[in-house]
Amino acid sequence: MTIRKLLSAGSVLWSAAVILVLASGSQKSAVAYAASHSQPGHGNDGHCVLVGGTVMTNFISPDTTLGTATGDLRGAVSASLLGAPQPGPGGTVVFHVQHHWVTESGDTLTIDPAVATTTPVSQTLFAVVTYPVHISGGTGKFEDATGDVTNIGEVDLSKNATVFRYSGQVCFAERH
């Protein structure tokens, strides 16, 4: 496989990963879960909740994915590549991605630019090795929220599809 084909395939994988992470968006589930699983907040008087679910997306262009998220952050998600994929250590391919996430209830999550590291399984199939995503706010119940989510998954370029499993924690600010 040439590096050009790898980078092209990697960029598709990265876009899919980004969309997967952002596609989950129901704060109702996260808040309900928090009622029975609250923990001290990250430097605030709020509470944190564990979140998890899946993201499935399709490539709608060579550098953009669009899809849905299930689980605690269910909703719609999109990811855009912030440049060409780069070769990484050990034959990996690194993607810089910007996510866009809207929850089922209409709130948005603000996501910092993320870095996804993938490894090729074949010329058209990529495995996500590391893909941390940081939430730095949003609207509605996610205003002033922070959180970190990790992702695992695969990108299938022959089908222009991605699938991811996300898990992590979202911390909500105390509201008075």
C-alpha atoms as a PDB file:
ATOM      1  CA  MET A   1       0.000   0.000   0.000  1.00  0.00           C
ATOM      2  CA  THR A   2       1.451   3.379  -0.931  1.00  0.00           C
ATOM      3  CA  ILE A   3       1.578   6.184   1.617  1.00  0.00           C
ATOM      4  CA  ARG A   4      -0.740   8.204  -0.648  1.00  0.00           C
ATOM      5  CA  LYS A   5      -3.429   5.507  -0.545  1.00  0.00           C
ATOM      6  CA  LEU A   6      -2.897   5.107   3.187  1.00  0.00           C
ATOM      7  CA  LEU A   7      -3.250   8.823   3.836  1.00  0.00           C
ATOM      8  CA  SER A   8      -6.350   9.008   1.660  1.00  0.00           C
ATOM      9  CA  ALA A   9      -7.923   6.056   3.428  1.00  0.00           C
ATOM     10  CA  GLY A  10      -6.793   7.378   6.781  1.00  0.00           C
ATOM     11  CA  SER A  11      -8.488  10.692   6.176  1.00  0.00           C
ATOM     12  CA  VAL A  12     -11.768   8.948   5.576  1.00  0.00           C
ATOM     13  CA  LEU A  13     -11.298   6.934   8.761  1.00  0.00           C
ATOM     14  CA  TRP A  14     -10.514  10.006  10.745  1.00  0.00           C
ATOM     15  CA  SER A  15     -13.615  11.809   9.547  1.00  0.00           C
ATOM     16  CA  ALA A  16     -15.723   8.847  10.506  1.00  0.00           C
ATOM     17  CA  ALA A  17     -14.183   8.665  13.950  1.00  0.00           C
ATOM     18  CA  VAL A  18     -14.842  12.302  14.573  1.00  0.00           C
ATOM     19  CA  ILE A  19     -18.469  12.016  13.634  1.00  0.00           C
ATOM     20  CA  LEU A  20     -18.894   8.985  15.844  1.00  0.00           C
ATOM     21  CA  VAL A  21     -17.607  10.794  18.872  1.00  0.00           C
ATOM     22  CA  LEU A  22     -19.837  13.790  18.345  1.00  0.00           C
ATOM     23  CA  ALA A  23     -22.981  12.066  17.261  1.00  0.00           C
ATOM     24  CA  SER A  24     -24.290  11.285  20.712  1.00  0.00           C
ATOM     25  CA  GLY A  25     -26.285  14.004  22.327  1.00  0.00           C
ATOM     26  CA  SER A  26     -29.173  13.441  24.738  1.00  0.00           C
ATOM     27  CA  GLN A  27     -28.600  15.351  27.916  1.00  0.00           C
ATOM     28  CA  LYS A  28     -31.792  13.872  29.317  1.00  0.00           C
ATOM     29  CA  SER A  29     -30.106  10.479  29.549  1.00  0.00           C
ATOM     30  CA  ALA A  30     -26.908  11.942  30.966  1.00  0.00           C
ATOM     31  CA  VAL A  31     -28.746  13.988  33.582  1.00  0.00           C
ATOM     32  CA  ALA A  32     -30.975  11.065  34.572  1.00  0.00           C
ATOM     33  CA  TYR A  33     -27.922   8.861  34.904  1.00  0.00           C
ATOM     34  CA  ALA A  34     -26.207  11.526  37.004  1.00  0.00           C
ATOM     35  CA  ALA A  35     -28.981  11.466  39.588  1.00  0.00           C
ATOM     36  CA  SER A  36     -27.951   7.978  40.635  1.00  0.00           C
ATOM     37  CA  HIS A  37     -24.231   8.107  39.729  1.00  0.00           C
ATOM     38  CA  SER A  38     -23.060  11.628  40.574  1.00  0.00           C
ATOM     39  CA  GLN A  39     -19.450  12.273  41.490  1.00  0.00           C
ATOM     40  CA  PRO A  40     -17.577  15.410  42.536  1.00  0.00           C
ATOM     41  CA  GLY A  41     -17.064  17.817  39.638  1.00  0.00           C
ATOM     42  CA  HIS A  42     -13.790  18.877  38.100  1.00  0.00           C
ATOM     43  CA  GLY A  43     -13.052  21.909  40.251  1.00  0.00           C
ATOM     44  CA  ASN A  44     -16.682  23.008  40.514  1.00  0.00           C
ATOM     45  CA  ASP A  45     -19.674  22.293  42.712  1.00  0.00           C
ATOM     46  CA  GLY A  46     -21.451  20.347  39.979  1.00  0.00           C
ATOM     47  CA  HIS A  47     -21.628  16.671  39.251  1.00  0.00           C
ATOM     48  CA  CYS A  48     -20.116  14.279  36.733  1.00  0.00           C
ATOM     49  CA  VAL A  49     -21.777  11.437  34.887  1.00  0.00           C
ATOM     50  CA  LEU A  50     -20.381   8.486  33.014  1.00  0.00           C
ATOM     51  CA  VAL A  51     -21.434   8.432  29.357  1.00  0.00           C
ATOM     52  CA  GLY A  52     -21.252   5.815  26.648  1.00  0.00           C
ATOM     53  CA  GLY A  53     -22.793   4.755  23.388  1.00  0.00           C
ATOM     54  CA  THR A  54     -22.099   4.259  19.714  1.00  0.00           C
ATOM     55  CA  VAL A  55     -21.673   6.466  16.660  1.00  0.00           C
ATOM     56  CA  MET A  56     -22.305   5.444  13.063  1.00  0.00           C
ATOM     57  CA  THR A  57     -21.579   7.795  10.184  1.00  0.00           C
ATOM     58  CA  ASN A  58     -21.331   7.930   6.413  1.00  0.00           C
ATOM     59  CA  PHE A  59     -18.870   9.949   4.375  1.00  0.00           C
ATOM     60  CA  ILE A  60     -20.773  12.710   2.613  1.00  0.00           C
ATOM     61  CA  SER A  61     -17.580  14.055   1.017  1.00  0.00           C
ATOM     62  CA  PRO A  62     -13.906  12.989   1.123  1.00  0.00           C
ATOM     63  CA  ASP A  63     -13.286  15.078   4.262  1.00  0.00           C
ATOM     64  CA  THR A  64     -16.668  15.112   6.060  1.00  0.00           C
ATOM     65  CA  THR A  65     -18.808  12.517   7.805  1.00  0.00           C
ATOM     66  CA  LEU A  66     -22.371  12.737   9.060  1.00  0.00           C
ATOM     67  CA  GLY A  67     -24.338  10.353  11.232  1.00  0.00           C
ATOM     68  CA  THR A  68     -26.089   9.496  14.456  1.00  0.00           C
ATOM     69  CA  ALA A  69     -25.088   8.728  18.013  1.00  0.00           C
ATOM     70  CA  THR A  70     -26.846   6.437  20.467  1.00  0.00           C
ATOM     71  CA  GLY A  71     -26.532   6.172  24.210  1.00  0.00           C
ATOM     72  CA  ASP A  72     -26.150   8.952  26.731  1.00  0.00           C
ATOM     73  CA  LEU A  73     -25.227  11.640  24.176  1.00  0.00           C
ATOM     74  CA  ARG A  74     -27.612  10.549  21.440  1.00  0.00           C
ATOM     75  CA  GLY A  75     -28.224  12.913  18.573  1.00  0.00           C
ATOM     76  CA  ALA A  76     -26.492  13.931  15.357  1.00  0.00           C
ATOM     77  CA  VAL A  77     -22.779  14.270  14.727  1.00  0.00           C
ATOM     78  CA  SER A  78     -20.490  15.470  11.976  1.00  0.00           C
ATOM     79  CA  ALA A  79     -16.728  15.561  11.619  1.00  0.00           C
ATOM     80  CA  SER A  80     -14.484  17.559   9.326  1.00  0.00           C
ATOM     81  CA  LEU A  81     -10.812  16.943   8.642  1.00  0.00           C
ATOM     82  CA  LEU A  82      -8.608  19.913   9.511  1.00  0.00           C
ATOM     83  CA  GLY A  83      -5.981  18.996   6.948  1.00  0.00           C
ATOM     84  CA  ALA A  84      -4.426  16.061   5.174  1.00  0.00           C
ATOM     85  CA  PRO A  85      -3.767  12.953   7.279  1.00  0.00           C
ATOM     86  CA  GLN A  86      -0.168  12.586   8.393  1.00  0.00           C
ATOM     87  CA  PRO A  87       1.997   9.489   8.751  1.00  0.00           C
ATOM     88  CA  GLY A  88       2.457   8.587  12.405  1.00  0.00           C
ATOM     89  CA  PRO A  89       4.815   6.341  14.348  1.00  0.00           C
ATOM     90  CA  GLY A  90       4.783   2.616  13.671  1.00  0.00           C
ATOM     91  CA  GLY A  91       2.906   2.864  10.364  1.00  0.00           C
ATOM     92  CA  THR A  92      -0.073   4.696  11.876  1.00  0.00           C
ATOM     93  CA  VAL A  93      -2.002   7.491  10.183  1.00  0.00           C
ATOM     94  CA  VAL A  94      -2.906  10.608  12.228  1.00  0.00           C
ATOM     95  CA  PHE A  95      -5.966  12.782  11.546  1.00  0.00           C
ATOM     96  CA  HIS A  96      -6.809  16.213  12.965  1.00  0.00           C
ATOM     97  CA  VAL A  97     -10.584  16.560  13.241  1.00  0.00           C
ATOM     98  CA  GLN A  98     -13.227  19.108  14.227  1.00  0.00           C
ATOM     99  CA  HIS A  99     -16.512  17.643  15.509  1.00  0.00           C
ATOM    100  CA  HIS A 100     -19.996  19.129  15.449  1.00  0.00           C
ATOM    101  CA  TRP A 101     -22.578  17.587  17.806  1.00  0.00           C
ATOM    102  CA  VAL A 102     -26.267  18.291  18.418  1.00  0.00           C
ATOM    103  CA  THR A 103     -28.168  16.324  21.031  1.00  0.00           C
ATOM    104  CA  GLU A 104     -31.604  14.831  20.569  1.00  0.00           C
ATOM    105  CA  SER A 105     -33.051  17.697  22.651  1.00  0.00           C
ATOM    106  CA  GLY A 106     -31.360  20.373  20.505  1.00  0.00           C
ATOM    107  CA  ASP A 107     -28.432  21.285  22.776  1.00  0.00           C
ATOM    108  CA  THR A 108     -24.973  21.463  21.264  1.00  0.00           C
ATOM    109  CA  LEU A 109     -21.666  20.151  22.569  1.00  0.00           C
ATOM    110  CA  THR A 110     -18.549  22.223  22.008  1.00  0.00           C
ATOM    111  CA  ILE A 111     -15.719  19.869  21.115  1.00  0.00           C
ATOM    112  CA  ASP A 112     -12.057  20.863  20.972  1.00  0.00           C
ATOM    113  CA  PRO A 113     -10.144  19.869  17.826  1.00  0.00           C
ATOM    114  CA  ALA A 114      -9.219  16.197  18.227  1.00  0.00           C
ATOM    115  CA  VAL A 115      -6.466  13.888  17.035  1.00  0.00           C
ATOM    116  CA  ALA A 116      -7.281  10.371  15.891  1.00  0.00           C
ATOM    117  CA  THR A 117      -4.563   7.784  15.371  1.00  0.00           C
ATOM    118  CA  THR A 118      -5.438   4.859  13.114  1.00  0.00           C
ATOM    119  CA  THR A 119      -3.756   1.747  11.809  1.00  0.00           C
ATOM    120  CA  PRO A 120      -4.584   0.160   8.449  1.00  0.00           C
ATOM    121  CA  VAL A 121      -6.099  -3.313   8.605  1.00  0.00           C
ATOM    122  CA  SER A 122      -6.350  -3.481   4.800  1.00  0.00           C
ATOM    123  CA  GLN A 123      -6.307  -0.952   1.964  1.00  0.00           C
ATOM    124  CA  THR A 124      -9.890   0.074   2.775  1.00  0.00           C
ATOM    125  CA  LEU A 125     -10.315  -0.811   6.470  1.00  0.00           C
ATOM    126  CA  PHE A 126      -8.793   1.186   9.344  1.00  0.00           C
ATOM    127  CA  ALA A 127      -8.805   0.595  13.072  1.00  0.00           C
ATOM    128  CA  VAL A 128      -8.883   3.535  15.484  1.00  0.00           C
ATOM    129  CA  VAL A 129      -5.958   3.082  17.898  1.00  0.00           C
ATOM    130  CA  THR A 130      -6.391   6.249  19.992  1.00  0.00           C
ATOM    131  CA  TYR A 131      -9.059   8.923  19.672  1.00  0.00           C
ATOM    132  CA  PRO A 132      -9.562  11.097  22.748  1.00  0.00           C
ATOM    133  CA  VAL A 133     -12.161  13.867  22.504  1.00  0.00           C
ATOM    134  CA  HIS A 134     -12.528  16.809  24.934  1.00  0.00           C
ATOM    135  CA  ILE A 135     -15.875  18.526  25.570  1.00  0.00           C
ATOM    136  CA  SER A 136     -15.417  22.180  26.550  1.00  0.00           C
ATOM    137  CA  GLY A 137     -18.957  23.474  26.894  1.00  0.00           C
ATOM    138  CA  GLY A 138     -22.044  23.798  24.792  1.00  0.00           C
ATOM    139  CA  THR A 139     -25.578  25.127  25.002  1.00  0.00           C
ATOM    140  CA  GLY A 140     -28.503  24.290  27.274  1.00  0.00           C
ATOM    141  CA  LYS A 141     -27.582  21.691  29.879  1.00  0.00           C
ATOM    142  CA  PHE A 142     -24.075  21.475  28.418  1.00  0.00           C
ATOM    143  CA  GLU A 143     -23.303  25.151  29.041  1.00  0.00           C
ATOM    144  CA  ASP A 144     -20.042  25.212  31.057  1.00  0.00           C
ATOM    145  CA  ALA A 145     -19.840  21.395  30.932  1.00  0.00           C
ATOM    146  CA  THR A 146     -16.483  19.678  30.503  1.00  0.00           C
ATOM    147  CA  GLY A 147     -15.626  16.117  29.719  1.00  0.00           C
ATOM    148  CA  ASP A 148     -13.376  13.577  28.128  1.00  0.00           C
ATOM    149  CA  VAL A 149     -14.461  10.712  25.905  1.00  0.00           C
ATOM    150  CA  THR A 150     -12.374   7.971  24.323  1.00  0.00           C
ATOM    151  CA  ASN A 151     -13.325   6.117  21.171  1.00  0.00           C
ATOM    152  CA  ILE A 152     -12.598   2.804  19.546  1.00  0.00           C
ATOM    153  CA  GLY A 153     -13.848   1.749  16.149  1.00  0.00           C
ATOM    154  CA  GLU A 154     -13.296   1.153  12.474  1.00  0.00           C
ATOM    155  CA  VAL A 155     -13.600   2.999   9.202  1.00  0.00           C
ATOM    156  CA  ASP A 156     -14.582   1.059   6.073  1.00  0.00           C
ATOM    157  CA  LEU A 157     -13.708   3.043   2.958  1.00  0.00           C
ATOM    158  CA  SER A 158     -15.155   0.436   0.626  1.00  0.00           C
ATOM    159  CA  LYS A 159     -18.579   1.161   2.162  1.00  0.00           C
ATOM    160  CA  ASN A 160     -17.953   4.835   3.088  1.00  0.00           C
ATOM    161  CA  ALA A 161     -19.060   3.985   6.627  1.00  0.00           C
ATOM    162  CA  THR A 162     -17.735   4.222  10.181  1.00  0.00           C
ATOM    163  CA  VAL A 163     -18.699   2.750  13.539  1.00  0.00           C
ATOM    164  CA  PHE A 164     -17.404   3.749  16.984  1.00  0.00           C
ATOM    165  CA  ARG A 165     -17.889   3.015  20.653  1.00  0.00           C
ATOM    166  CA  TYR A 166     -17.473   6.031  22.952  1.00  0.00           C
ATOM    167  CA  SER A 167     -17.095   6.091  26.718  1.00  0.00           C
ATOM    168  CA  GLY A 168     -16.062   8.716  29.210  1.00  0.00           C
ATOM    169  CA  GLN A 169     -17.351  11.328  31.609  1.00  0.00           C
ATOM    170  CA  VAL A 170     -19.154  14.683  31.362  1.00  0.00           C
ATOM    171  CA  CYS A 171     -19.094  17.110  34.304  1.00  0.00           C
ATOM    172  CA  PHE A 172     -21.879  19.656  34.681  1.00  0.00           C
ATOM    173  CA  ALA A 173     -21.471  22.997  36.449  1.00  0.00           C
ATOM    174  CA  GLU A 174     -23.570  23.737  39.527  1.00  0.00           C
ATOM    175  CA  ARG A 175     -26.594  25.852  38.631  1.00  0.00           C
ATOM    176  CA  HIS A 176     -28.057  28.289  41.160  1.00  0.00           C
END
